[in-house]
Structures are given as structure tokens and as C-alpha cells.
N, C-alpha and C. Protein backbone atom coordinates (compact mmCIF):
# COMPACT_ATOMS: atom_id res chain seq x y z
N UNK A 1 0.87 -1.22 -0.03
CA UNK A 1 -0.01 -0.01 -0.01
C UNK A 1 0.92 1.27 0.00
N UNK A 2 0.52 2.26 -0.82
CA UNK A 2 1.22 3.52 -0.82
C UNK A 2 0.93 4.31 0.47
N UNK A 3 1.67 5.37 0.64
CA UNK A 3 1.38 6.16 1.82
C UNK A 3 -0.03 6.70 1.84
N UNK A 4 -0.64 6.85 3.02
CA UNK A 4 -1.93 7.39 3.12
C UNK A 4 -1.86 8.94 2.87
N UNK A 5 -2.96 9.45 2.33
CA UNK A 5 -3.02 10.91 2.16
C UNK A 5 -3.31 11.53 3.48
N UNK A 6 -3.11 12.93 3.56
CA UNK A 6 -3.33 13.68 4.79
C UNK A 6 -4.82 13.55 5.13
N UNK A 7 -5.69 13.59 4.21
CA UNK A 7 -7.14 13.53 4.48
C UNK A 7 -7.47 12.18 5.07
N UNK A 8 -6.91 11.16 4.54
CA UNK A 8 -7.16 9.78 5.05
C UNK A 8 -6.70 9.61 6.52
N UNK A 9 -5.49 10.19 6.76
CA UNK A 9 -4.97 10.14 8.19
C UNK A 9 -5.82 10.94 9.13
N UNK A 10 -6.21 12.09 8.71
CA UNK A 10 -7.03 12.96 9.59
C UNK A 10 -8.39 12.28 9.86
N UNK A 11 -8.96 11.69 8.79
CA UNK A 11 -10.21 10.85 8.97
C UNK A 11 -10.05 9.76 9.99
N UNK A 12 -8.94 9.04 9.92
CA UNK A 12 -8.68 7.96 10.83
C UNK A 12 -8.52 8.53 12.32
N UNK A 13 -7.80 9.67 12.44
CA UNK A 13 -7.68 10.27 13.79
C UNK A 13 -9.00 10.68 14.32
N UNK A 14 -9.84 11.29 13.47
CA UNK A 14 -11.14 11.68 13.99
C UNK A 14 -12.04 10.49 14.41
N UNK A 15 -11.96 9.44 13.63
CA UNK A 15 -12.79 8.26 14.01
C UNK A 15 -12.23 7.60 15.29
N UNK A 16 -10.89 7.63 15.49
CA UNK A 16 -10.28 7.08 16.65
C UNK A 16 -10.69 7.88 17.89
N UNK A 17 -10.60 9.16 17.82
CA UNK A 17 -10.91 10.02 18.92
C UNK A 17 -12.38 9.97 19.33
N UNK A 18 -13.24 9.92 18.32
CA UNK A 18 -14.71 9.88 18.51
C UNK A 18 -15.19 8.44 18.72
N UNK A 19 -14.33 7.44 18.71
CA UNK A 19 -14.67 6.08 18.98
C UNK A 19 -15.69 5.61 17.91
N UNK A 20 -15.55 5.97 16.66
CA UNK A 20 -16.44 5.55 15.62
C UNK A 20 -15.91 4.28 15.01
N UNK A 21 -16.82 3.41 14.45
CA UNK A 21 -16.37 2.18 13.89
C UNK A 21 -15.64 2.39 12.56
N UNK A 22 -14.62 1.62 12.24
CA UNK A 22 -13.91 1.70 10.99
C UNK A 22 -14.62 0.92 9.91
N UNK A 23 -14.57 1.45 8.76
CA UNK A 23 -14.98 0.64 7.56
C UNK A 23 -13.87 -0.38 7.17
N UNK A 24 -14.24 -1.35 6.33
CA UNK A 24 -13.16 -2.30 5.92
C UNK A 24 -11.94 -1.61 5.35
N UNK A 25 -12.16 -0.60 4.54
CA UNK A 25 -11.05 0.18 4.01
C UNK A 25 -10.25 0.85 5.11
N UNK A 26 -10.94 1.42 6.06
CA UNK A 26 -10.25 2.13 7.13
C UNK A 26 -9.43 1.15 8.07
N UNK A 27 -10.01 -0.12 8.18
CA UNK A 27 -9.28 -1.11 9.01
C UNK A 27 -7.94 -1.47 8.30
N UNK A 28 -8.03 -1.55 6.95
CA UNK A 28 -6.80 -1.81 6.15
C UNK A 28 -5.79 -0.61 6.37
N UNK A 29 -6.32 0.58 6.47
CA UNK A 29 -5.52 1.77 6.60
C UNK A 29 -4.82 1.73 7.98
N UNK A 30 -5.54 1.31 8.96
CA UNK A 30 -5.00 1.21 10.36
C UNK A 30 -3.93 0.21 10.42
N UNK A 31 -4.07 -0.92 9.70
CA UNK A 31 -3.06 -1.94 9.64
C UNK A 31 -1.80 -1.41 8.96
N UNK A 32 -2.01 -0.52 7.91
CA UNK A 32 -0.85 0.09 7.26
C UNK A 32 -0.08 0.98 8.21
N UNK A 33 -0.76 1.64 9.15
CA UNK A 33 -0.07 2.51 10.12
C UNK A 33 0.89 1.63 10.97
N UNK A 34 0.60 0.36 11.20
CA UNK A 34 1.49 -0.45 11.93
C UNK A 34 2.80 -0.76 11.26
N UNK A 35 2.78 -0.56 9.95
CA UNK A 35 3.99 -0.96 9.19
C UNK A 35 4.75 0.22 8.62
N UNK A 36 4.09 1.40 8.59
CA UNK A 36 4.72 2.60 7.90
C UNK A 36 4.98 3.66 8.93
N UNK A 37 6.28 3.85 9.22
CA UNK A 37 6.68 4.89 10.23
C UNK A 37 6.21 6.27 9.84
N UNK A 38 6.40 6.70 8.57
CA UNK A 38 6.06 7.96 8.04
C UNK A 38 4.54 8.29 8.37
N UNK A 39 3.72 7.38 7.94
CA UNK A 39 2.24 7.56 8.19
C UNK A 39 1.89 7.49 9.62
N UNK A 40 2.53 6.62 10.36
CA UNK A 40 2.34 6.55 11.84
C UNK A 40 2.63 7.85 12.61
N UNK A 41 3.79 8.44 12.20
CA UNK A 41 4.11 9.74 12.81
C UNK A 41 3.05 10.80 12.61
N UNK A 42 2.59 10.90 11.36
CA UNK A 42 1.62 11.87 10.99
C UNK A 42 0.32 11.60 11.71
N UNK A 43 -0.03 10.28 11.81
CA UNK A 43 -1.26 9.91 12.51
C UNK A 43 -1.15 10.29 13.97
N UNK A 44 -0.03 10.07 14.67
CA UNK A 44 0.15 10.43 16.03
C UNK A 44 -0.06 11.97 16.32
N UNK A 45 0.45 12.79 15.39
CA UNK A 45 0.29 14.18 15.45
C UNK A 45 -1.17 14.60 15.29
N UNK A 46 -1.82 13.95 14.24
CA UNK A 46 -3.28 14.23 14.02
C UNK A 46 -4.07 13.83 15.18
N UNK A 47 -3.74 12.66 15.78
CA UNK A 47 -4.51 12.15 16.89
C UNK A 47 -4.46 13.13 18.03
N UNK A 48 -3.26 13.71 18.27
CA UNK A 48 -3.10 14.68 19.43
C UNK A 48 -3.92 15.96 19.17
N UNK A 49 -3.82 16.44 17.91
CA UNK A 49 -4.61 17.63 17.53
C UNK A 49 -6.06 17.42 17.71
N UNK A 50 -6.65 16.27 17.24
CA UNK A 50 -8.06 15.97 17.37
C UNK A 50 -8.43 15.85 18.84
N UNK A 51 -7.51 15.22 19.63
CA UNK A 51 -7.72 15.10 21.01
C UNK A 51 -7.90 16.45 21.69
N UNK A 52 -6.98 17.44 21.37
CA UNK A 52 -7.01 18.70 22.00
C UNK A 52 -8.19 19.59 21.57
N UNK A 53 -8.67 19.41 20.34
CA UNK A 53 -9.68 20.25 19.88
C UNK A 53 -11.07 19.53 19.86
N UNK A 54 -11.15 18.34 20.46
CA UNK A 54 -12.44 17.78 20.78
C UNK A 54 -13.13 18.62 21.86
N UNK A 55 -14.37 18.29 22.13
CA UNK A 55 -15.06 19.06 23.17
C UNK A 55 -14.38 18.95 24.52
N UNK A 56 -13.84 17.74 24.75
CA UNK A 56 -13.14 17.65 26.08
C UNK A 56 -11.80 18.40 26.03
N UNK A 57 -11.07 18.20 24.94
CA UNK A 57 -9.74 18.77 24.79
C UNK A 57 -9.80 20.30 24.79
N UNK A 58 -10.89 20.89 24.23
CA UNK A 58 -11.07 22.33 24.17
C UNK A 58 -11.16 22.90 25.53
N UNK A 59 -11.87 22.22 26.42
CA UNK A 59 -11.99 22.64 27.81
C UNK A 59 -10.66 22.74 28.44
N UNK A 60 -9.85 21.74 28.25
CA UNK A 60 -8.53 21.75 28.85
C UNK A 60 -7.68 22.81 28.27
N UNK A 61 -7.78 23.04 26.91
CA UNK A 61 -7.00 24.05 26.24
C UNK A 61 -7.43 25.42 26.79
N UNK A 62 -8.70 25.59 27.14
CA UNK A 62 -9.24 26.88 27.73
C UNK A 62 -8.51 27.14 29.03
N UNK A 63 -8.49 26.10 29.89
CA UNK A 63 -7.92 26.30 31.18
C UNK A 63 -6.43 26.65 30.99
N UNK A 64 -5.80 26.02 30.01
CA UNK A 64 -4.39 26.24 29.73
C UNK A 64 -4.15 27.68 29.31
N UNK A 65 -4.98 28.22 28.49
CA UNK A 65 -4.80 29.62 27.94
C UNK A 65 -5.03 30.57 29.03
N UNK A 66 -5.97 30.32 29.93
CA UNK A 66 -6.26 31.33 30.97
C UNK A 66 -5.11 31.40 31.95
N UNK A 67 -4.32 30.41 32.18
CA UNK A 67 -3.22 30.45 33.15
C UNK A 67 -1.89 30.11 32.52
N UNK A 68 -1.85 29.95 31.18
CA UNK A 68 -0.57 29.62 30.47
C UNK A 68 0.00 28.31 30.79
N UNK A 69 -0.82 27.54 31.44
CA UNK A 69 -0.43 26.13 31.78
C UNK A 69 -1.64 25.44 32.26
N UNK A 70 -1.62 24.07 32.30
CA UNK A 70 -2.74 23.33 32.89
C UNK A 70 -2.81 23.66 34.32
N UNK A 71 -4.00 23.65 34.90
CA UNK A 71 -4.16 23.95 36.27
C UNK A 71 -3.37 23.04 37.23
N UNK A 72 -2.59 23.67 38.09
CA UNK A 72 -1.71 22.84 38.93
C UNK A 72 -2.22 23.06 40.45
N UNK A 73 -2.17 21.91 41.04
CA UNK A 73 -2.57 21.82 42.48
C UNK A 73 -1.51 20.97 43.22
N UNK A 74 -1.34 21.35 44.46
CA UNK A 74 -0.42 20.53 45.23
C UNK A 74 -1.18 19.27 45.74
N UNK A 75 -0.46 18.19 45.70
CA UNK A 75 -1.07 16.92 46.16
C UNK A 75 -0.93 16.90 47.70
N UNK A 76 -2.07 16.98 48.38
CA UNK A 76 -2.07 17.03 49.84
C UNK A 76 -1.47 15.81 50.39
N UNK A 77 -0.41 16.07 51.20
CA UNK A 77 0.23 14.91 51.87
C UNK A 77 0.74 13.80 50.92
N UNK A 78 1.23 14.19 49.78
CA UNK A 78 1.65 13.23 48.83
C UNK A 78 2.72 12.30 49.29
N UNK A 79 3.62 12.80 50.11
CA UNK A 79 4.76 12.02 50.55
C UNK A 79 4.41 10.79 51.42
N UNK A 80 3.21 11.01 52.10
CA UNK A 80 2.78 9.94 53.01
C UNK A 80 1.52 9.27 52.57
N UNK A 81 1.18 9.49 51.30
CA UNK A 81 -0.06 8.96 50.76
C UNK A 81 -0.11 7.52 50.67
N UNK A 82 -1.21 6.81 50.95
CA UNK A 82 -1.43 5.43 50.90
C UNK A 82 -1.13 4.97 49.49
N UNK A 83 -0.25 3.93 49.36
CA UNK A 83 0.15 3.48 48.00
C UNK A 83 -0.80 2.42 47.45
N UNK A 84 -1.80 2.03 48.31
CA UNK A 84 -2.76 1.01 47.79
C UNK A 84 -3.42 1.36 46.59
N UNK A 85 -3.73 2.61 46.27
CA UNK A 85 -4.44 3.02 45.13
C UNK A 85 -3.60 3.25 43.91
N UNK A 86 -2.31 2.97 44.04
CA UNK A 86 -1.33 3.21 42.94
C UNK A 86 -1.55 2.15 41.81
N UNK A 87 -1.82 2.66 40.61
CA UNK A 87 -2.04 1.77 39.50
C UNK A 87 -0.82 1.54 38.63
N UNK A 88 -0.09 2.59 38.43
CA UNK A 88 1.13 2.52 37.64
C UNK A 88 2.03 3.70 37.84
N UNK A 89 3.33 3.53 37.70
CA UNK A 89 4.28 4.66 37.69
C UNK A 89 5.21 4.56 36.51
N UNK A 90 5.28 5.59 35.69
CA UNK A 90 6.21 5.70 34.59
C UNK A 90 7.30 6.76 34.90
N UNK A 91 8.51 6.46 34.61
CA UNK A 91 9.59 7.38 34.79
C UNK A 91 10.02 7.86 33.42
N UNK A 92 10.16 9.17 33.24
CA UNK A 92 10.58 9.75 32.06
C UNK A 92 11.95 10.39 32.29
N UNK A 93 12.98 9.94 31.69
CA UNK A 93 14.37 10.44 31.90
C UNK A 93 14.79 11.15 30.59
N UNK A 94 15.34 12.36 30.76
CA UNK A 94 15.74 13.17 29.60
C UNK A 94 17.21 13.29 29.62
N UNK A 95 17.85 13.06 28.47
CA UNK A 95 19.28 13.19 28.31
C UNK A 95 19.64 14.63 28.08
N UNK A 96 20.84 14.78 27.46
CA UNK A 96 21.29 16.16 27.19
C UNK A 96 20.85 16.74 25.94
N UNK A 97 20.30 15.91 25.00
CA UNK A 97 19.86 16.36 23.70
C UNK A 97 18.37 16.69 23.73
N UNK A 98 17.86 17.14 22.55
CA UNK A 98 16.43 17.51 22.47
C UNK A 98 15.68 16.52 21.56
N UNK A 99 16.28 15.47 21.13
CA UNK A 99 15.60 14.51 20.25
C UNK A 99 14.94 13.37 21.07
N UNK A 100 14.00 12.68 20.39
CA UNK A 100 13.34 11.59 21.05
C UNK A 100 14.30 10.48 21.52
N UNK A 101 15.42 10.39 20.79
CA UNK A 101 16.40 9.39 21.11
C UNK A 101 16.97 9.64 22.50
N UNK A 102 16.93 10.89 23.03
CA UNK A 102 17.46 11.15 24.33
C UNK A 102 16.47 10.97 25.46
N UNK A 103 15.25 10.55 25.11
CA UNK A 103 14.24 10.37 26.18
C UNK A 103 14.02 8.88 26.40
N UNK A 104 14.09 8.52 27.68
CA UNK A 104 13.72 7.16 28.08
C UNK A 104 12.44 7.13 28.93
N UNK A 105 11.50 6.38 28.49
CA UNK A 105 10.25 6.24 29.29
C UNK A 105 10.16 4.76 29.73
N UNK A 106 10.06 4.49 30.97
CA UNK A 106 9.99 3.14 31.52
C UNK A 106 9.06 3.06 32.68
N UNK A 107 8.48 1.88 32.92
CA UNK A 107 7.59 1.66 33.99
C UNK A 107 8.49 1.15 35.21
N UNK A 108 8.24 1.74 36.37
CA UNK A 108 8.89 1.34 37.55
C UNK A 108 7.89 0.85 38.61
N UNK A 109 8.36 0.32 39.73
CA UNK A 109 7.45 -0.26 40.70
C UNK A 109 6.51 -1.34 40.08
N UNK A 110 7.12 -2.08 39.26
CA UNK A 110 6.32 -3.10 38.47
C UNK A 110 5.52 -4.01 39.34
N UNK A 111 6.07 -4.29 40.61
CA UNK A 111 5.38 -5.32 41.40
C UNK A 111 4.05 -4.70 41.92
N UNK A 112 3.88 -3.43 41.98
CA UNK A 112 2.66 -2.79 42.47
C UNK A 112 1.67 -2.41 41.36
N UNK A 113 2.12 -2.60 40.12
CA UNK A 113 1.34 -2.07 38.97
C UNK A 113 0.10 -2.87 38.69
N UNK A 114 -0.97 -2.18 38.49
CA UNK A 114 -2.17 -2.73 37.96
C UNK A 114 -2.30 -2.54 36.44
N UNK A 115 -1.53 -1.65 35.90
CA UNK A 115 -1.45 -1.38 34.44
C UNK A 115 -0.03 -1.73 34.04
N UNK A 116 0.15 -2.57 33.10
CA UNK A 116 1.42 -3.00 32.61
C UNK A 116 1.75 -2.31 31.25
N UNK A 117 2.44 -1.18 31.26
CA UNK A 117 2.72 -0.55 30.00
C UNK A 117 3.89 -1.20 29.21
N UNK A 118 3.80 -1.09 27.88
CA UNK A 118 4.91 -1.57 27.07
C UNK A 118 4.97 -0.63 25.81
N UNK A 119 6.18 -0.44 25.29
CA UNK A 119 6.31 0.48 24.13
C UNK A 119 5.60 -0.09 22.89
N UNK A 120 5.00 0.72 22.10
CA UNK A 120 4.36 0.34 20.82
C UNK A 120 5.21 0.72 19.65
N UNK A 121 5.61 -0.21 18.84
CA UNK A 121 6.34 0.00 17.58
C UNK A 121 7.57 0.86 17.94
N UNK A 122 8.33 0.33 18.79
CA UNK A 122 9.50 1.12 19.32
C UNK A 122 10.38 1.56 18.15
N UNK A 123 10.59 0.65 17.15
CA UNK A 123 11.50 1.05 16.06
C UNK A 123 10.81 2.21 15.20
N UNK A 124 9.46 2.25 15.16
CA UNK A 124 8.79 3.25 14.43
C UNK A 124 8.74 4.58 15.19
N UNK A 125 8.36 4.53 16.41
CA UNK A 125 8.17 5.78 17.18
C UNK A 125 9.61 6.49 17.44
N UNK A 126 10.59 5.67 17.42
CA UNK A 126 11.91 6.28 17.64
C UNK A 126 12.61 6.66 16.33
N UNK A 127 11.91 6.38 15.23
CA UNK A 127 12.47 6.85 14.00
C UNK A 127 13.61 6.11 13.37
N UNK A 128 13.58 4.81 13.52
CA UNK A 128 14.74 4.02 13.04
C UNK A 128 14.73 4.10 11.45
N UNK A 129 15.93 4.32 10.94
CA UNK A 129 16.09 4.19 9.49
C UNK A 129 15.53 5.33 8.66
N UNK A 130 15.19 6.46 9.28
CA UNK A 130 14.63 7.53 8.51
C UNK A 130 14.61 8.83 9.23
N UNK A 131 13.66 9.62 8.92
CA UNK A 131 13.51 10.93 9.62
C UNK A 131 13.24 10.74 11.08
N UNK A 132 13.65 11.75 11.87
CA UNK A 132 13.50 11.60 13.31
C UNK A 132 11.97 11.67 13.69
N UNK A 133 11.59 10.68 14.53
CA UNK A 133 10.16 10.71 14.94
C UNK A 133 9.91 11.68 16.00
N UNK A 134 8.69 12.04 16.29
CA UNK A 134 8.35 13.08 17.30
C UNK A 134 7.61 12.51 18.47
N UNK A 135 7.14 11.28 18.42
CA UNK A 135 6.24 10.80 19.45
C UNK A 135 6.67 9.43 20.04
N UNK A 136 6.34 9.20 21.25
CA UNK A 136 6.65 7.95 21.89
C UNK A 136 5.34 7.45 22.55
N UNK A 137 4.93 6.24 22.30
CA UNK A 137 3.65 5.70 22.76
C UNK A 137 3.85 4.40 23.54
N UNK A 138 3.26 4.36 24.72
CA UNK A 138 3.19 3.20 25.52
C UNK A 138 1.70 2.77 25.75
N UNK A 139 1.44 1.41 25.64
CA UNK A 139 0.14 0.92 25.82
C UNK A 139 0.10 -0.12 26.89
N UNK A 140 -1.04 -0.23 27.60
CA UNK A 140 -1.23 -1.36 28.50
C UNK A 140 -1.19 -2.70 27.72
N UNK A 141 -0.42 -3.60 28.16
CA UNK A 141 -0.30 -4.91 27.43
C UNK A 141 -1.60 -5.61 27.14
N UNK A 142 -2.56 -5.43 28.04
CA UNK A 142 -3.86 -6.14 27.85
C UNK A 142 -5.03 -5.24 27.45
N UNK A 143 -4.79 -3.89 27.27
CA UNK A 143 -5.88 -2.98 26.99
C UNK A 143 -5.32 -1.81 26.20
N UNK A 144 -5.53 -1.85 24.90
CA UNK A 144 -4.83 -0.82 24.02
C UNK A 144 -5.47 0.57 24.20
N UNK A 145 -6.72 0.61 24.77
CA UNK A 145 -7.26 1.92 24.97
C UNK A 145 -6.70 2.65 26.19
N UNK A 146 -5.83 1.94 26.97
CA UNK A 146 -5.04 2.64 27.96
C UNK A 146 -3.73 2.84 27.50
N UNK A 147 -3.33 4.11 27.36
CA UNK A 147 -2.03 4.43 26.73
C UNK A 147 -1.48 5.80 27.16
N UNK A 148 -0.23 5.97 26.88
CA UNK A 148 0.47 7.27 27.09
C UNK A 148 1.13 7.60 25.77
N UNK A 149 0.88 8.85 25.25
CA UNK A 149 1.46 9.38 24.09
C UNK A 149 2.20 10.64 24.38
N UNK A 150 3.47 10.59 24.16
CA UNK A 150 4.33 11.74 24.48
C UNK A 150 4.84 12.34 23.20
N UNK A 151 4.58 13.64 22.96
CA UNK A 151 4.97 14.39 21.78
C UNK A 151 6.18 15.22 22.12
N UNK A 152 7.34 14.89 21.70
CA UNK A 152 8.55 15.57 22.10
C UNK A 152 8.69 16.99 21.55
N UNK A 153 8.22 17.21 20.30
CA UNK A 153 8.32 18.50 19.67
C UNK A 153 7.46 19.51 20.43
N UNK A 154 6.23 19.09 20.80
CA UNK A 154 5.27 20.05 21.44
C UNK A 154 5.37 20.00 22.92
N UNK A 155 6.27 19.16 23.48
CA UNK A 155 6.34 19.03 24.97
C UNK A 155 4.95 18.75 25.61
N UNK A 156 4.25 17.84 24.88
CA UNK A 156 2.93 17.56 25.35
C UNK A 156 2.68 16.09 25.57
N UNK A 157 1.66 15.70 26.28
CA UNK A 157 1.35 14.36 26.60
C UNK A 157 -0.11 14.07 26.69
N UNK A 158 -0.57 12.96 26.08
CA UNK A 158 -1.95 12.48 26.30
C UNK A 158 -1.92 11.20 26.99
N UNK A 159 -2.66 11.09 28.05
CA UNK A 159 -2.75 9.84 28.83
C UNK A 159 -4.16 9.44 28.99
N UNK A 160 -4.50 8.24 28.56
CA UNK A 160 -5.87 7.75 28.58
C UNK A 160 -5.93 6.47 29.29
N UNK A 161 -6.90 6.22 30.15
CA UNK A 161 -7.08 5.07 30.94
C UNK A 161 -8.53 4.48 30.73
N UNK A 162 -8.66 3.23 30.39
CA UNK A 162 -9.98 2.59 30.30
C UNK A 162 -10.36 2.11 31.68
N UNK A 163 -11.39 2.67 32.27
CA UNK A 163 -11.69 2.47 33.64
C UNK A 163 -12.32 1.11 33.92
N UNK A 164 -13.05 0.58 32.96
CA UNK A 164 -13.71 -0.73 33.18
C UNK A 164 -12.71 -1.87 33.44
N UNK A 165 -11.59 -1.81 32.76
CA UNK A 165 -10.63 -2.86 32.95
C UNK A 165 -9.95 -2.82 34.35
N UNK A 166 -10.05 -1.66 35.00
CA UNK A 166 -9.40 -1.47 36.35
C UNK A 166 -10.43 -1.55 37.43
N UNK A 167 -11.78 -1.69 37.08
CA UNK A 167 -12.80 -1.81 38.07
C UNK A 167 -12.75 -0.51 38.99
N UNK A 168 -12.69 0.59 38.33
CA UNK A 168 -12.75 1.83 39.17
C UNK A 168 -13.44 2.91 38.39
N UNK A 169 -13.95 3.98 39.05
CA UNK A 169 -14.72 5.00 38.35
C UNK A 169 -13.95 6.29 38.14
N UNK A 170 -12.94 6.56 38.89
CA UNK A 170 -12.13 7.71 38.72
C UNK A 170 -10.65 7.47 38.98
N UNK A 171 -9.79 8.20 38.36
CA UNK A 171 -8.33 8.07 38.60
C UNK A 171 -7.75 9.45 38.86
N UNK A 172 -6.62 9.43 39.51
CA UNK A 172 -5.82 10.69 39.66
C UNK A 172 -4.56 10.50 38.90
N UNK A 173 -4.17 11.51 38.07
CA UNK A 173 -2.94 11.42 37.29
C UNK A 173 -2.07 12.66 37.73
N UNK A 174 -0.80 12.31 38.10
CA UNK A 174 0.03 13.46 38.66
C UNK A 174 1.44 13.25 38.04
N UNK A 175 2.09 14.38 37.90
CA UNK A 175 3.49 14.47 37.49
C UNK A 175 4.33 14.82 38.72
N UNK A 176 5.32 14.04 38.97
CA UNK A 176 6.17 14.24 40.19
C UNK A 176 7.57 14.46 39.83
N UNK A 177 8.20 15.50 40.42
CA UNK A 177 9.61 15.88 40.22
C UNK A 177 10.28 15.99 41.52
N UNK A 178 11.56 15.64 41.60
CA UNK A 178 12.34 15.79 42.82
C UNK A 178 12.44 17.17 43.26
N UNK A 179 12.05 17.41 44.50
CA UNK A 179 12.17 18.79 45.10
C UNK A 179 11.17 19.76 44.60
N UNK A 180 10.09 19.35 43.89
CA UNK A 180 9.07 20.26 43.39
C UNK A 180 7.72 19.73 43.79
N UNK A 181 6.78 20.58 43.72
CA UNK A 181 5.40 20.24 44.03
C UNK A 181 4.88 19.35 42.98
N UNK A 182 4.07 18.34 43.37
CA UNK A 182 3.46 17.52 42.37
C UNK A 182 2.42 18.21 41.59
N UNK A 183 2.25 17.89 40.39
CA UNK A 183 1.20 18.55 39.48
C UNK A 183 0.11 17.57 39.26
N UNK A 184 -1.11 17.98 39.64
CA UNK A 184 -2.29 17.19 39.37
C UNK A 184 -2.80 17.48 37.96
N UNK A 185 -3.00 16.48 37.15
CA UNK A 185 -3.46 16.76 35.75
C UNK A 185 -4.94 16.74 35.70
N UNK A 186 -5.59 17.74 35.13
CA UNK A 186 -7.07 17.69 34.97
C UNK A 186 -7.47 16.43 34.15
N UNK A 187 -8.48 15.73 34.62
CA UNK A 187 -8.90 14.54 33.93
C UNK A 187 -10.37 14.68 33.51
N UNK A 188 -10.70 14.35 32.29
CA UNK A 188 -12.07 14.37 31.79
C UNK A 188 -12.52 12.96 31.61
N UNK A 189 -13.79 12.70 31.82
CA UNK A 189 -14.37 11.36 31.72
C UNK A 189 -15.44 11.29 30.66
N UNK A 190 -15.38 10.27 29.79
CA UNK A 190 -16.30 10.07 28.77
C UNK A 190 -16.29 8.60 28.16
N UNK A 191 -17.47 7.95 28.10
CA UNK A 191 -17.57 6.65 27.58
C UNK A 191 -16.72 5.66 28.26
N UNK A 192 -16.52 5.75 29.56
CA UNK A 192 -15.78 4.84 30.33
C UNK A 192 -14.28 5.06 30.19
N UNK A 193 -13.82 6.18 29.65
CA UNK A 193 -12.46 6.50 29.61
C UNK A 193 -12.05 7.76 30.40
N UNK A 194 -10.95 7.70 31.00
CA UNK A 194 -10.33 8.86 31.70
C UNK A 194 -9.21 9.38 30.90
N UNK A 195 -9.25 10.69 30.60
CA UNK A 195 -8.27 11.27 29.67
C UNK A 195 -7.67 12.54 30.27
N UNK A 196 -6.32 12.60 30.27
CA UNK A 196 -5.65 13.81 30.74
C UNK A 196 -4.69 14.28 29.67
N UNK A 197 -4.59 15.61 29.55
CA UNK A 197 -3.66 16.18 28.48
C UNK A 197 -2.79 17.19 29.15
N UNK A 198 -1.47 17.09 28.92
CA UNK A 198 -0.48 18.01 29.50
C UNK A 198 0.11 18.78 28.35
N UNK A 199 0.12 20.08 28.41
CA UNK A 199 0.60 20.88 27.27
C UNK A 199 2.03 21.48 27.57
N UNK A 200 2.50 21.35 28.78
CA UNK A 200 3.79 21.95 29.11
C UNK A 200 4.57 20.99 30.01
N UNK A 201 5.05 19.92 29.44
CA UNK A 201 5.83 18.88 30.18
C UNK A 201 7.08 19.52 30.75
N UNK A 202 7.52 19.10 31.94
CA UNK A 202 8.76 19.50 32.47
C UNK A 202 9.96 19.24 31.58
N UNK A 203 10.99 20.08 31.64
CA UNK A 203 12.20 19.87 30.87
C UNK A 203 13.22 19.03 31.57
N UNK A 204 12.85 18.54 32.77
CA UNK A 204 13.68 17.69 33.61
C UNK A 204 13.07 16.34 33.75
N UNK A 205 13.76 15.41 34.39
CA UNK A 205 13.29 14.05 34.63
C UNK A 205 12.01 14.12 35.52
N UNK A 206 11.05 13.26 35.30
CA UNK A 206 9.87 13.28 36.04
C UNK A 206 9.18 11.90 36.11
N UNK A 207 8.23 11.76 36.95
CA UNK A 207 7.52 10.53 37.03
C UNK A 207 5.96 10.84 36.79
N UNK A 208 5.33 9.85 36.14
CA UNK A 208 3.93 9.98 35.90
C UNK A 208 3.20 8.85 36.80
N UNK A 209 2.37 9.31 37.70
CA UNK A 209 1.73 8.39 38.60
C UNK A 209 0.23 8.35 38.41
N UNK A 210 -0.31 7.20 38.29
CA UNK A 210 -1.72 6.97 38.06
C UNK A 210 -2.27 6.25 39.32
N UNK A 211 -3.32 6.86 39.88
CA UNK A 211 -3.85 6.28 41.16
C UNK A 211 -5.39 6.05 41.00
N UNK A 212 -5.88 5.08 41.68
CA UNK A 212 -7.38 4.92 41.81
C UNK A 212 -7.80 5.90 42.87
N UNK A 213 -8.91 6.65 42.56
CA UNK A 213 -9.46 7.64 43.56
C UNK A 213 -10.53 6.94 44.36
């Protein structure tokens, strides 16, 4: 199959964000994304844009514009918080460069994890054998609708959790940095999914923590 056109990729992104069924042709196009790095990179960018400008994403964008960043709150007593509700912890380590190759995202505290993240198409998202990629995606090994998508160029992140698979109704997503206040990410709920968008990721190493509320 040749490369998908921009209109075809945008259509796939819209259907994915809106959770609309794919036609047989669109299913073939989605399979093509698994094999084509160039189309996959464009799809990731389109997916993030559609996410941000959906009805849910627009609300978060509005909060961001009013305060030049997503609303930040201190996690009350975070240092002594009960760890029983912890679902997953991801550590994002940044090297000295600005490319995606300099970023390492890995899951830690694996023994406590209720979500088991794994990189998706690692050779594709990291741009092997071609132009440099811009996004890094991790998915739950047993539930593809639970994922983290990190856009290096935009310093942005989309994190989505399917609640049904975790048997919970709400989650808390936070960004934690050494010596800094924790940042609580605004979460929107729709169709059994919890979704948080961060538009100004830290330039230093940080952890992403997902808890059951």
C-alpha cells in the first residue's frame, strides 16, 4: 500500500478520537499504520490535535490559555499517601539532547502495577532508519485503549485510561519531580475513559503516577 493521504490520516484520527467504527477500508489503513513509520508519525500528530480540539480537549485548552499552563494543584500529603491506590508509575528520563532518542520512558514499581505498559512500535516511534520521529507511545499490554502518548516537539502528553478494565470509576494522574510540588493533571471522563492532556511537560526528569481515587 502507498502512503496514506493527509485527508485519510485525519479521517482515521477523527474516528479514533470519536470512537467511531472503522469501515473495511479504514481497517486496512489502520493496519498500514502499523507498518509505515512516516504515516504513523503523522497519525500520532493528527490524533493529538483531534484530542486537543475535541469538546473535552477544548475545555482543557481553555484552562491552559487562562493560566498559560494546565491547572496545577499541590497533592495534599503526597509523601505519606497510601500506596494501595497506585495503578502505575512511569519514569521519564531526559538526556542532554532534544531529540526523542534522548528520552527514556520506562515503568517502575512493576510489582505494584495494575497497568502494565509496554512501548508500541518502538522502532517506528523512535524513527529508526529515516527521519526523526516526534512521538513515543506506551500501551497497556492487555488494553490498547489505556495508553500514554508523548509528543517531544510540542512538549505535550496525552494519557488515557480505560476504567472498566481497572474496576474503578475515577483516577488521579500526577507528574512528580524531585524537590518540586506534584502537579495534578485535569482529567475528563467520557464513555468509560479517563483522559488527561499536558501541554507543558517539564524539561527535567519526572514521574507519571496513576492512582485509583
